[in-house]
N, C-alpha and C. Protein backbone atom coordinates (compact mmCIF):
# COMPACT_ATOMS: atom_id res chain seq x y z
N MET A 1 16.94 -28.96 14.80
CA MET A 1 15.87 -28.39 14.19
C MET A 1 15.17 -27.18 15.24
N HIS A 2 15.63 -27.43 17.10
CA HIS A 2 14.60 -26.82 17.21
C HIS A 2 15.41 -24.92 17.71
N PHE A 3 17.06 -25.37 17.36
CA PHE A 3 17.83 -23.99 17.19
C PHE A 3 17.28 -23.42 16.22
N TYR A 4 17.21 -23.63 14.75
CA TYR A 4 16.28 -22.81 13.70
C TYR A 4 15.77 -22.38 13.78
N THR A 5 14.15 -23.29 14.62
CA THR A 5 13.04 -22.69 14.61
C THR A 5 13.29 -21.28 15.54
N GLN A 6 14.21 -21.63 17.04
CA GLN A 6 14.28 -20.87 17.76
C GLN A 6 14.62 -19.26 16.75
N THR A 7 15.73 -19.33 16.26
CA THR A 7 17.11 -18.44 15.23
C THR A 7 15.69 -17.66 14.29
N PHE A 8 14.75 -18.15 13.60
CA PHE A 8 13.96 -17.66 12.89
C PHE A 8 12.93 -16.57 13.39
N ASN A 9 12.54 -17.41 15.07
CA ASN A 9 11.28 -16.75 16.12
C ASN A 9 12.55 -15.25 16.01
N LYS A 10 13.64 -15.25 16.22
CA LYS A 10 14.45 -14.27 16.83
C LYS A 10 14.37 -13.39 15.45
N LEU A 11 14.90 -13.77 14.34
CA LEU A 11 14.79 -12.99 12.83
C LEU A 11 13.37 -12.04 12.80
N ASP A 12 12.38 -12.83 13.08
CA ASP A 12 11.07 -12.68 12.61
C ASP A 12 10.92 -11.09 14.07
N ILE A 13 10.91 -11.46 14.88
CA ILE A 13 10.98 -10.22 16.10
C ILE A 13 12.01 -8.87 15.81
N GLN A 14 13.05 -8.95 14.96
CA GLN A 14 13.95 -8.16 14.83
C GLN A 14 13.50 -7.33 13.79
N MET A 15 12.70 -7.77 12.23
CA MET A 15 12.26 -7.35 10.97
C MET A 15 11.10 -6.48 11.92
N LYS A 16 10.23 -7.28 13.00
CA LYS A 16 9.09 -6.28 12.85
C LYS A 16 9.41 -5.37 13.66
N PHE A 17 10.86 -5.16 14.45
CA PHE A 17 11.06 -4.05 14.88
C PHE A 17 12.12 -3.06 14.02
N ILE A 18 12.52 -3.74 13.08
CA ILE A 18 13.42 -2.66 12.34
C ILE A 18 12.29 -2.15 11.30
N GLN A 19 10.83 -2.78 10.96
CA GLN A 19 10.33 -2.32 10.47
C GLN A 19 8.73 -1.42 10.86
N ASN A 20 9.51 -1.05 11.80
CA ASN A 20 8.16 -0.67 12.60
C ASN A 20 8.52 1.38 12.20
N LYS A 21 7.44 2.35 12.19
CA LYS A 21 7.07 3.03 11.12
C LYS A 21 8.58 4.26 12.44
N TYR A 22 8.52 4.33 13.70
CA TYR A 22 8.81 4.77 14.52
C TYR A 22 10.46 4.98 14.59
N VAL A 23 10.98 3.65 14.26
CA VAL A 23 11.91 3.36 14.12
C VAL A 23 12.72 4.14 13.25
N LYS A 24 11.82 4.36 11.87
CA LYS A 24 12.44 5.42 10.62
C LYS A 24 12.71 6.76 10.91
N LEU A 25 12.23 7.20 11.48
CA LEU A 25 11.90 8.72 12.07
C LEU A 25 12.93 8.78 13.42
N ALA A 26 13.00 7.90 14.38
CA ALA A 26 14.10 7.45 15.57
C ALA A 26 15.86 8.05 14.45
N VAL A 27 15.78 7.17 13.50
CA VAL A 27 17.10 7.22 12.55
C VAL A 27 17.51 8.22 11.98
N ALA A 28 15.84 9.28 11.72
CA ALA A 28 16.21 10.55 11.05
C ALA A 28 16.13 11.48 11.72
N VAL A 29 16.05 11.21 13.44
CA VAL A 29 16.40 12.10 14.16
C VAL A 29 17.75 12.10 14.54
N LEU A 30 18.15 10.88 14.64
CA LEU A 30 19.78 10.44 15.21
C LEU A 30 20.69 11.42 14.14
N ILE A 31 20.01 10.95 12.72
CA ILE A 31 21.20 11.68 11.73
C ILE A 31 20.92 13.12 11.93
N ILE A 32 19.38 13.85 11.71
CA ILE A 32 19.71 15.14 12.07
C ILE A 32 20.55 15.99 13.47
N ALA A 33 20.91 15.29 14.38
CA ALA A 33 21.29 15.39 15.76
C ALA A 33 23.00 15.12 15.27
N LEU A 34 23.38 14.35 14.48
CA LEU A 34 24.79 14.57 14.28
C LEU A 34 25.01 15.55 12.94
N ALA A 35 23.98 15.97 12.64
CA ALA A 35 24.32 16.95 11.36
C ALA A 35 24.55 18.24 12.05
N VAL A 36 23.75 18.49 13.28
CA VAL A 36 23.93 19.22 13.64
C VAL A 36 25.24 19.93 14.56
N TYR A 37 25.49 18.76 15.19
CA TYR A 37 27.01 18.10 15.53
C TYR A 37 27.88 18.78 14.34
N GLN A 38 28.01 18.40 13.32
CA GLN A 38 28.62 18.44 12.39
C GLN A 38 28.93 20.06 12.22
N PHE A 39 28.34 20.91 12.40
CA PHE A 39 27.61 22.05 12.00
C PHE A 39 28.59 22.77 13.32
N THR A 40 28.30 22.41 14.53
CA THR A 40 28.92 22.98 15.04
C THR A 40 30.33 22.81 15.55
N GLN A 41 30.92 21.55 15.05
CA GLN A 41 32.19 21.62 14.48
C GLN A 41 32.74 22.40 13.38
N LYS A 42 32.09 23.07 12.93
CA LYS A 42 32.63 23.45 11.70
C LYS A 42 32.52 22.57 9.91
N ASN A 43 32.31 21.69 9.75
CA ASN A 43 31.84 20.77 9.31
C ASN A 43 31.12 20.63 8.65
N ILE A 44 30.57 21.88 7.62
CA ILE A 44 29.72 22.25 7.31
C ILE A 44 29.27 21.39 6.10
N GLY A 45 29.97 20.82 5.15
CA GLY A 45 29.55 19.64 4.14
C GLY A 45 29.29 18.23 4.71
N ASN A 46 30.08 18.17 5.69
CA ASN A 46 29.20 16.95 6.30
C ASN A 46 28.11 17.12 6.86
N GLY A 47 27.74 17.92 7.62
CA GLY A 47 26.18 18.35 8.20
C GLY A 47 25.28 18.40 6.79
N ILE A 48 25.52 19.39 5.64
CA ILE A 48 24.31 19.62 4.61
C ILE A 48 24.47 17.96 4.19
N ALA A 49 25.84 16.79 3.87
CA ALA A 49 25.48 15.60 3.55
C ALA A 49 24.45 14.70 4.16
N LEU A 50 24.28 14.65 5.87
CA LEU A 50 24.02 14.23 6.89
C LEU A 50 22.51 14.62 6.75
N ILE A 51 22.35 16.04 6.44
CA ILE A 51 20.77 16.71 6.34
C ILE A 51 20.02 15.74 4.81
N PHE A 52 20.85 15.65 3.94
CA PHE A 52 20.24 15.37 2.85
C PHE A 52 20.01 13.40 2.79
N LEU A 53 20.93 12.69 3.78
CA LEU A 53 20.37 11.27 4.32
C LEU A 53 19.74 11.45 5.31
N ALA A 54 19.34 12.60 5.79
CA ALA A 54 18.25 11.77 6.74
C ALA A 54 16.94 12.24 6.25
N LEU A 55 16.65 12.60 4.98
CA LEU A 55 15.08 12.63 4.20
C LEU A 55 15.38 11.58 3.67
N ILE A 56 16.12 10.63 3.49
CA ILE A 56 15.86 8.86 3.13
C ILE A 56 15.26 8.34 3.98
N PRO A 57 15.34 8.35 5.29
CA PRO A 57 14.10 7.68 6.33
C PRO A 57 12.96 8.11 6.59
N ILE A 58 12.70 9.76 6.14
CA ILE A 58 11.91 10.46 6.83
C ILE A 58 10.73 10.25 5.16
N PHE A 59 11.29 9.79 4.08
CA PHE A 59 10.62 9.93 2.62
C PHE A 59 10.19 8.58 3.13
N LEU A 60 10.96 7.26 3.52
CA LEU A 60 10.37 6.18 3.24
C LEU A 60 9.09 5.50 4.60
N TYR A 61 9.46 6.87 5.55
CA TYR A 61 8.04 6.51 6.70
C TYR A 61 6.63 7.08 5.76
N PHE A 62 7.00 8.09 5.15
CA PHE A 62 5.45 8.35 4.30
C PHE A 62 5.17 7.41 3.46
N ARG A 63 6.33 6.72 2.51
CA ARG A 63 6.56 6.14 1.56
C ARG A 63 7.03 5.01 1.62
N ASN A 64 6.40 3.68 2.15
CA ASN A 64 6.80 2.64 2.35
C ASN A 64 8.02 1.64 1.04
N GLU A 65 9.27 1.64 1.54
CA GLU A 65 9.64 0.94 -0.01
C GLU A 65 8.82 -0.51 -0.33
N TYR A 66 8.88 -1.45 0.80
CA TYR A 66 8.08 -2.56 0.36
C TYR A 66 6.90 -2.30 -0.66
N ILE A 67 5.92 -1.00 -0.30
CA ILE A 67 4.86 -0.89 -1.06
C ILE A 67 5.46 -0.41 -2.30
N LEU A 68 6.29 0.71 -2.30
CA LEU A 68 6.78 1.22 -4.05
C LEU A 68 7.27 0.05 -4.32
N LEU A 69 7.88 -1.12 -4.45
CA LEU A 69 8.71 -2.13 -4.73
C LEU A 69 7.35 -2.62 -5.18
N ALA A 70 6.21 -3.54 -4.39
CA ALA A 70 5.30 -4.18 -4.88
C ALA A 70 4.47 -3.36 -6.26
N PHE A 71 4.31 -1.77 -5.88
CA PHE A 71 3.84 -1.56 -7.11
C PHE A 71 4.54 -1.74 -8.30
N PHE A 72 5.56 -1.35 -8.39
CA PHE A 72 6.77 -1.71 -9.57
C PHE A 72 6.28 -3.36 -9.94
N ARG A 73 6.71 -4.10 -9.39
CA ARG A 73 6.17 -5.23 -9.61
C ARG A 73 4.32 -5.24 -10.48
N LEU A 74 3.37 -4.71 -9.50
CA LEU A 74 2.09 -4.51 -10.41
C LEU A 74 2.28 -3.86 -11.53
N ARG A 75 2.80 -3.15 -11.71
CA ARG A 75 2.79 -2.37 -13.24
C ARG A 75 3.70 -3.08 -14.40
N LYS A 76 4.51 -4.16 -13.71
CA LYS A 76 4.66 -4.97 -14.82
C LYS A 76 4.40 -6.38 -14.60
N GLN A 77 3.18 -6.52 -14.53
CA GLN A 77 1.91 -7.23 -14.44
C GLN A 77 2.80 -8.84 -13.89
N ASP A 78 3.72 -8.58 -12.69
CA ASP A 78 4.47 -9.59 -12.13
C ASP A 78 3.78 -9.53 -10.47
N PHE A 79 2.57 -10.78 -10.69
CA PHE A 79 1.76 -11.07 -9.37
C PHE A 79 2.47 -11.78 -8.73
N ALA A 80 3.36 -12.88 -8.53
CA ALA A 80 3.99 -13.38 -8.00
C ALA A 80 5.44 -12.52 -6.89
N GLY A 81 5.69 -11.39 -8.05
CA GLY A 81 6.94 -10.74 -7.30
C GLY A 81 6.24 -9.76 -6.28
N THR A 82 4.60 -9.02 -6.54
CA THR A 82 3.97 -8.15 -6.21
C THR A 82 3.85 -8.69 -4.67
N LYS A 83 3.15 -9.42 -4.60
CA LYS A 83 3.35 -10.89 -3.41
C LYS A 83 4.42 -10.87 -2.68
N LYS A 84 5.35 -11.29 -2.97
CA LYS A 84 6.67 -11.26 -2.47
C LYS A 84 7.04 -10.20 -1.84
N TRP A 85 6.82 -8.80 -2.53
CA TRP A 85 7.18 -8.19 -1.47
C TRP A 85 6.08 -7.59 -0.40
N LEU A 86 5.23 -7.76 -0.75
CA LEU A 86 3.87 -7.17 0.46
C LEU A 86 4.41 -8.13 1.54
N ASP A 87 4.25 -9.69 1.46
CA ASP A 87 4.70 -10.44 2.16
C ASP A 87 5.41 -10.34 3.12
N LYS A 88 6.98 -9.52 3.00
CA LYS A 88 7.99 -8.91 3.39
C LYS A 88 7.47 -7.94 4.63
N ILE A 89 6.30 -7.07 4.53
CA ILE A 89 5.99 -6.24 5.47
C ILE A 89 4.97 -7.39 6.83
N ALA A 90 5.54 -7.39 7.59
CA ALA A 90 5.77 -8.39 8.61
C ALA A 90 4.30 -8.37 9.89
N ASP A 91 4.14 -6.89 10.20
CA ASP A 91 3.41 -6.30 10.65
C ASP A 91 2.50 -4.82 10.29
N PRO A 92 1.61 -4.98 9.02
CA PRO A 92 1.30 -4.09 8.85
C PRO A 92 0.77 -2.78 9.62
N GLN A 93 0.13 -3.24 10.59
CA GLN A 93 -0.27 -2.10 11.83
C GLN A 93 1.09 -1.30 12.26
N THR A 94 2.14 -1.79 12.94
CA THR A 94 3.41 -1.07 13.42
C THR A 94 3.96 -0.37 11.99
N ALA A 95 4.23 -1.10 11.14
CA ALA A 95 5.38 -1.11 9.93
C ALA A 95 4.72 0.33 8.91
N LEU A 96 3.12 0.58 8.60
CA LEU A 96 2.28 1.51 7.90
C LEU A 96 1.75 2.48 8.59
N ILE A 97 1.63 3.59 8.19
CA ILE A 97 1.10 4.44 8.51
C ILE A 97 -0.33 3.96 7.68
N ARG A 98 -1.49 5.27 8.52
CA ARG A 98 -2.84 5.12 8.13
C ARG A 98 -3.34 4.68 6.51
N LYS A 99 -2.40 5.68 5.64
CA LYS A 99 -2.38 5.82 3.92
C LYS A 99 -2.16 4.49 3.66
N GLN A 100 -0.48 3.95 3.85
CA GLN A 100 -0.27 2.93 3.69
C GLN A 100 -0.91 1.76 4.08
N GLN A 101 -1.43 1.33 5.24
CA GLN A 101 -1.72 0.22 5.35
C GLN A 101 -3.52 0.00 3.99
N GLY A 102 -4.15 1.11 3.90
CA GLY A 102 -5.17 1.39 2.81
C GLY A 102 -4.32 1.00 1.11
N TYR A 103 -3.59 1.66 0.90
CA TYR A 103 -2.68 0.60 -0.15
C TYR A 103 -2.04 -0.74 -0.19
N TYR A 104 -1.86 -0.91 1.21
CA TYR A 104 -1.05 -2.54 1.17
C TYR A 104 -2.51 -3.32 1.31
N ASN A 105 -3.77 -2.89 1.64
CA ASN A 105 -5.05 -3.76 1.45
C ASN A 105 -5.56 -3.88 -0.02
N TYR A 106 -5.59 -2.72 -0.33
CA TYR A 106 -5.52 -2.27 -2.16
C TYR A 106 -4.62 -3.33 -3.18
N LEU A 107 -3.54 -3.50 -2.68
CA LEU A 107 -2.88 -4.26 -3.52
C LEU A 107 -2.91 -5.87 -3.06
N TYR A 108 -3.30 -6.53 -1.89
CA TYR A 108 -4.02 -7.57 -2.08
C TYR A 108 -5.17 -8.04 -2.53
N GLY A 109 -5.98 -7.04 -2.11
CA GLY A 109 -7.08 -6.77 -3.23
C GLY A 109 -7.09 -7.24 -4.43
N ILE A 110 -6.23 -6.27 -5.44
CA ILE A 110 -5.90 -6.73 -6.49
C ILE A 110 -5.62 -8.12 -6.61
N LEU A 111 -4.45 -8.51 -6.10
CA LEU A 111 -3.82 -10.23 -5.90
C LEU A 111 -4.85 -10.93 -5.79
N SER A 112 -5.86 -11.02 -4.65
CA SER A 112 -6.91 -11.84 -4.34
C SER A 112 -7.95 -11.85 -5.19
N SER A 113 -8.36 -10.96 -5.92
CA SER A 113 -9.45 -10.68 -7.54
C SER A 113 -9.19 -11.84 -7.81
N GLN A 114 -7.55 -12.45 -8.96
CA GLN A 114 -7.51 -13.16 -9.63
C GLN A 114 -8.25 -14.94 -8.55
N THR A 115 -7.97 -14.94 -7.84
CA THR A 115 -7.92 -16.26 -7.31
C THR A 115 -9.58 -16.22 -5.79
N ASN A 116 -9.90 -15.33 -5.23
CA ASN A 116 -11.15 -15.47 -4.34
C ASN A 116 -11.60 -14.26 -4.12
N LEU A 117 -12.78 -14.35 -4.77
CA LEU A 117 -13.29 -12.55 -4.51
C LEU A 117 -14.20 -12.41 -3.28
N THR A 118 -14.28 -13.03 -2.55
CA THR A 118 -14.62 -12.99 -1.47
C THR A 118 -13.92 -12.19 -0.80
N GLN A 119 -12.25 -12.97 -0.60
CA GLN A 119 -11.26 -12.30 0.12
C GLN A 119 -11.13 -10.67 -0.45
N ALA A 120 -11.25 -10.80 -1.74
CA ALA A 120 -10.67 -9.22 -2.28
C ALA A 120 -11.64 -8.56 -2.13
N GLU A 121 -13.18 -8.72 -1.90
CA GLU A 121 -13.95 -7.94 -1.27
C GLU A 121 -13.60 -7.41 0.20
N LYS A 122 -13.31 -8.13 1.04
CA LYS A 122 -12.65 -7.63 2.30
C LYS A 122 -11.54 -6.94 2.54
N TYR A 123 -10.70 -7.09 1.32
CA TYR A 123 -9.36 -6.34 1.15
C TYR A 123 -10.05 -4.86 0.82
N PHE A 124 -10.91 -4.66 -0.29
CA PHE A 124 -11.23 -3.37 -1.22
C PHE A 124 -11.88 -2.72 -0.16
N ARG A 125 -12.64 -3.37 0.66
CA ARG A 125 -13.56 -2.53 1.19
C ARG A 125 -12.48 -2.05 2.78
N LYS A 126 -11.52 -2.62 3.32
CA LYS A 126 -10.82 -2.26 4.19
C LYS A 126 -9.91 -1.10 3.57
N ALA A 127 -9.77 -1.14 2.40
CA ALA A 127 -8.46 -0.43 1.96
C ALA A 127 -9.75 0.75 1.89
N LEU A 128 -10.59 0.70 1.42
CA LEU A 128 -11.57 1.76 1.26
C LEU A 128 -11.93 3.03 2.64
N GLN A 129 -11.61 1.89 3.55
CA GLN A 129 -12.02 2.77 4.87
C GLN A 129 -10.57 3.12 5.66
N LEU A 130 -9.52 2.63 5.43
CA LEU A 130 -8.39 3.07 6.02
C LEU A 130 -8.18 4.49 5.12
N GLY A 131 -8.65 4.18 3.68
CA GLY A 131 -8.10 5.48 2.89
C GLY A 131 -7.05 5.16 2.04
N LEU A 132 -7.32 5.88 0.79
CA LEU A 132 -5.90 6.04 -0.40
C LEU A 132 -5.86 7.15 -0.82
N THR A 133 -4.91 8.05 -1.32
CA THR A 133 -4.93 8.81 -1.65
C THR A 133 -5.16 9.42 -2.70
N MET A 134 -5.24 8.62 -3.91
CA MET A 134 -5.33 9.12 -5.28
C MET A 134 -6.98 8.99 -5.41
N SER A 135 -7.49 9.72 -6.15
CA SER A 135 -9.09 9.44 -6.16
C SER A 135 -8.77 8.62 -7.84
N TYR A 136 -7.95 8.41 -8.25
CA TYR A 136 -7.95 6.91 -9.43
C TYR A 136 -7.91 5.88 -8.68
N ASP A 137 -7.36 5.73 -7.50
CA ASP A 137 -7.21 4.26 -6.74
C ASP A 137 -8.44 4.37 -6.24
N ILE A 138 -9.51 5.05 -5.62
CA ILE A 138 -10.54 4.69 -4.93
C ILE A 138 -11.40 4.77 -6.43
N ALA A 139 -11.26 5.28 -7.46
CA ALA A 139 -12.10 4.65 -8.22
C ALA A 139 -12.13 3.15 -8.72
N MET A 140 -10.70 2.97 -8.69
CA MET A 140 -10.64 1.63 -9.20
C MET A 140 -10.90 0.33 -7.85
N ALA A 141 -10.61 0.66 -6.99
CA ALA A 141 -11.21 0.09 -5.99
C ALA A 141 -12.87 -0.16 -5.68
N LYS A 142 -13.85 0.90 -5.87
CA LYS A 142 -14.94 0.56 -6.48
C LYS A 142 -15.45 0.07 -7.38
N LEU A 143 -15.00 0.42 -8.48
CA LEU A 143 -14.89 -0.58 -9.61
C LEU A 143 -14.53 -2.07 -9.79
N SER A 144 -13.50 -2.33 -9.08
CA SER A 144 -13.60 -3.39 -8.80
C SER A 144 -14.50 -4.17 -7.47
N LEU A 145 -14.44 -3.19 -6.46
CA LEU A 145 -15.89 -3.83 -5.65
C LEU A 145 -17.27 -4.13 -6.27
N ALA A 146 -17.32 -3.17 -7.71
CA ALA A 146 -18.84 -3.35 -7.98
C ALA A 146 -19.05 -4.56 -9.25
N GLY A 147 -17.98 -4.78 -9.36
CA GLY A 147 -17.64 -5.96 -10.40
C GLY A 147 -17.84 -7.16 -9.43
N ILE A 148 -17.43 -7.38 -7.96
CA ILE A 148 -17.21 -8.53 -7.16
C ILE A 148 -19.02 -8.45 -7.00
N MET A 149 -19.61 -7.54 -6.34
CA MET A 149 -20.98 -7.47 -6.09
C MET A 149 -21.58 -7.84 -7.47
N MET A 150 -21.70 -7.72 -8.70
CA MET A 150 -22.40 -8.15 -10.12
C MET A 150 -21.89 -9.35 -10.12
N GLN A 151 -20.73 -10.06 -9.81
CA GLN A 151 -20.65 -11.60 -9.48
C GLN A 151 -21.95 -12.37 -8.41
N LYS A 152 -21.79 -11.44 -7.29
CA LYS A 152 -22.46 -12.15 -6.51
C LYS A 152 -24.25 -11.40 -6.46
N ARG A 153 -24.94 -11.24 -8.03
CA ARG A 153 -25.33 -10.85 -7.64
C ARG A 153 -26.43 -9.58 -6.92
N ARG A 154 -25.68 -8.87 -6.63
CA ARG A 154 -26.13 -7.28 -5.92
C ARG A 154 -26.20 -6.49 -6.53
N LYS A 155 -27.27 -6.26 -7.29
CA LYS A 155 -26.96 -5.24 -8.61
C LYS A 155 -27.02 -3.76 -7.53
N ARG A 156 -28.46 -3.63 -6.91
CA ARG A 156 -28.15 -2.21 -6.18
C ARG A 156 -27.03 -1.68 -5.52
N GLU A 157 -26.59 -2.53 -5.47
CA GLU A 157 -24.78 -1.73 -4.36
C GLU A 157 -24.37 -2.11 -5.30
N ALA A 158 -23.83 -2.89 -6.60
CA ALA A 158 -23.19 -2.77 -8.15
C ALA A 158 -23.09 -1.51 -8.33
N GLN A 159 -24.22 -1.18 -8.75
CA GLN A 159 -25.01 0.60 -9.26
C GLN A 159 -24.20 1.54 -8.35
N GLU A 160 -24.49 1.60 -7.25
CA GLU A 160 -23.63 2.56 -6.47
C GLU A 160 -22.52 2.85 -6.41
N LEU A 161 -21.71 1.49 -6.60
CA LEU A 161 -20.15 1.55 -6.67
C LEU A 161 -20.29 2.08 -8.04
N LEU A 162 -20.79 1.44 -8.94
CA LEU A 162 -19.87 2.15 -10.72
C LEU A 162 -20.23 3.33 -10.01
N SER A 163 -21.52 4.27 -10.16
CA SER A 163 -21.69 5.72 -9.97
C SER A 163 -20.70 6.65 -8.95
N GLU A 164 -20.43 5.82 -8.01
CA GLU A 164 -19.41 6.48 -7.11
C GLU A 164 -18.03 6.70 -7.92
N ALA A 165 -17.80 5.18 -8.71
CA ALA A 165 -16.40 5.56 -9.35
C ALA A 165 -16.39 6.39 -10.52
N LYS A 166 -17.83 6.74 -11.27
CA LYS A 166 -17.63 7.31 -12.00
C LYS A 166 -17.62 8.36 -12.11
N LYS A 167 -18.10 9.20 -10.75
CA LYS A 167 -18.01 10.32 -10.05
C LYS A 167 -16.24 10.89 -10.31
N LEU A 168 -15.78 9.77 -9.32
CA LEU A 168 -14.29 10.01 -9.26
C LEU A 168 -13.14 9.89 -10.00
N ASP A 169 -13.63 9.25 -10.94
CA ASP A 169 -12.87 9.06 -12.41
C ASP A 169 -12.76 10.21 -12.93
N LYS A 170 -12.12 11.30 -12.85
CA LYS A 170 -11.75 12.53 -13.12
C LYS A 170 -11.07 12.62 -14.85
N GLN A 171 -9.99 12.00 -15.20
CA GLN A 171 -9.44 11.73 -16.17
C GLN A 171 -9.83 10.89 -17.27
N ASN A 172 -11.20 9.80 -16.91
CA ASN A 172 -11.81 9.27 -17.70
C ASN A 172 -11.09 8.55 -18.25
N MET A 173 -10.32 7.82 -17.36
CA MET A 173 -9.68 6.46 -17.94
C MET A 173 -10.21 5.22 -17.66
N MET A 174 -11.39 5.31 -17.13
CA MET A 174 -12.09 3.80 -16.31
C MET A 174 -13.16 3.92 -17.59
N THR A 175 -13.79 4.98 -18.00
CA THR A 175 -15.35 5.40 -18.75
C THR A 175 -15.48 4.43 -19.51
N GLU A 176 -14.80 3.51 -20.31
CA GLU A 176 -15.22 2.07 -20.98
C GLU A 176 -15.22 0.94 -20.14
N GLN A 177 -14.31 0.96 -19.06
CA GLN A 177 -14.87 -0.14 -18.26
C GLN A 177 -15.88 -0.05 -17.29
N ILE A 178 -16.40 0.86 -17.15
CA ILE A 178 -17.82 1.32 -16.52
C ILE A 178 -18.79 0.82 -17.16
N ARG A 179 -19.01 1.99 -18.28
CA ARG A 179 -19.89 1.78 -19.52
C ARG A 179 -20.38 0.16 -19.62
N MET A 180 -18.90 -0.60 -19.83
CA MET A 180 -19.31 -2.29 -20.21
C MET A 180 -19.80 -2.81 -18.87
N MET A 181 -19.44 -2.51 -17.83
CA MET A 181 -20.26 -3.15 -16.40
C MET A 181 -21.36 -2.59 -16.49
N GLN A 182 -21.70 -1.31 -16.64
CA GLN A 182 -23.34 -1.39 -16.62
C GLN A 182 -23.97 -1.78 -17.63
N GLN A 183 -23.54 -2.43 -19.02
CA GLN A 183 -24.14 -3.32 -19.92
C GLN A 183 -24.81 -4.34 -19.40
N GLN A 184 -23.72 -4.97 -18.60
CA GLN A 184 -23.65 -6.48 -17.99
C GLN A 184 -24.56 -6.09 -16.99
N LEU A 185 -24.51 -5.06 -16.21
CA LEU A 185 -25.53 -5.02 -15.27
C LEU A 185 -26.67 -4.95 -15.33
N LYS A 186 -27.38 -4.61 -16.64
CA LYS A 186 -28.50 -4.15 -17.23
C LYS A 186 -29.22 -5.82 -17.42
N LYS A 187 -28.05 -6.65 -17.96
CA LYS A 187 -28.77 -8.17 -18.04
C LYS A 187 -29.02 -8.90 -16.44
N ILE A 188 -27.82 -8.54 -15.73
CA ILE A 188 -28.75 -8.87 -13.96
C ILE A 188 -29.81 -9.35 -14.28
């Protein structure tokens, strides 16, 4: 039993190292160095192929693979699958850049809003603090926070969040939800 625990602890440490955002950049630099070497050896095709191969870890530095897979699961309304992919991120602070940490907390906020509103509030606030890239996501986080504030009977804070969400909703995708929440807010 002790052997298995020790083995899993080593695997956990290895996963944290492999998931580190700087390891992805180091792999990209090594591949580019190999591509330069191939160019100097007159193997132009190999060098070009390696340059394209180096784009993969660079892309994954800016767009974490687990967060992408979690978004695909969320799109299919598979909350268990979304949580499974998010749980694979061992240490978000070392594995993700700041914006990705925001989306990590945003996704956890969506997941926990199904069960625990206090936890969801914490995740949404952290996501907004870390930053989200798209205005739609910021508006959705603020709209969700406004719903949580309504549940907690904090009318003024809910109104502020709703007005901010309305300003951010440029494509008018959430106007019906915002209007419905404003009507519910009048009843409080």
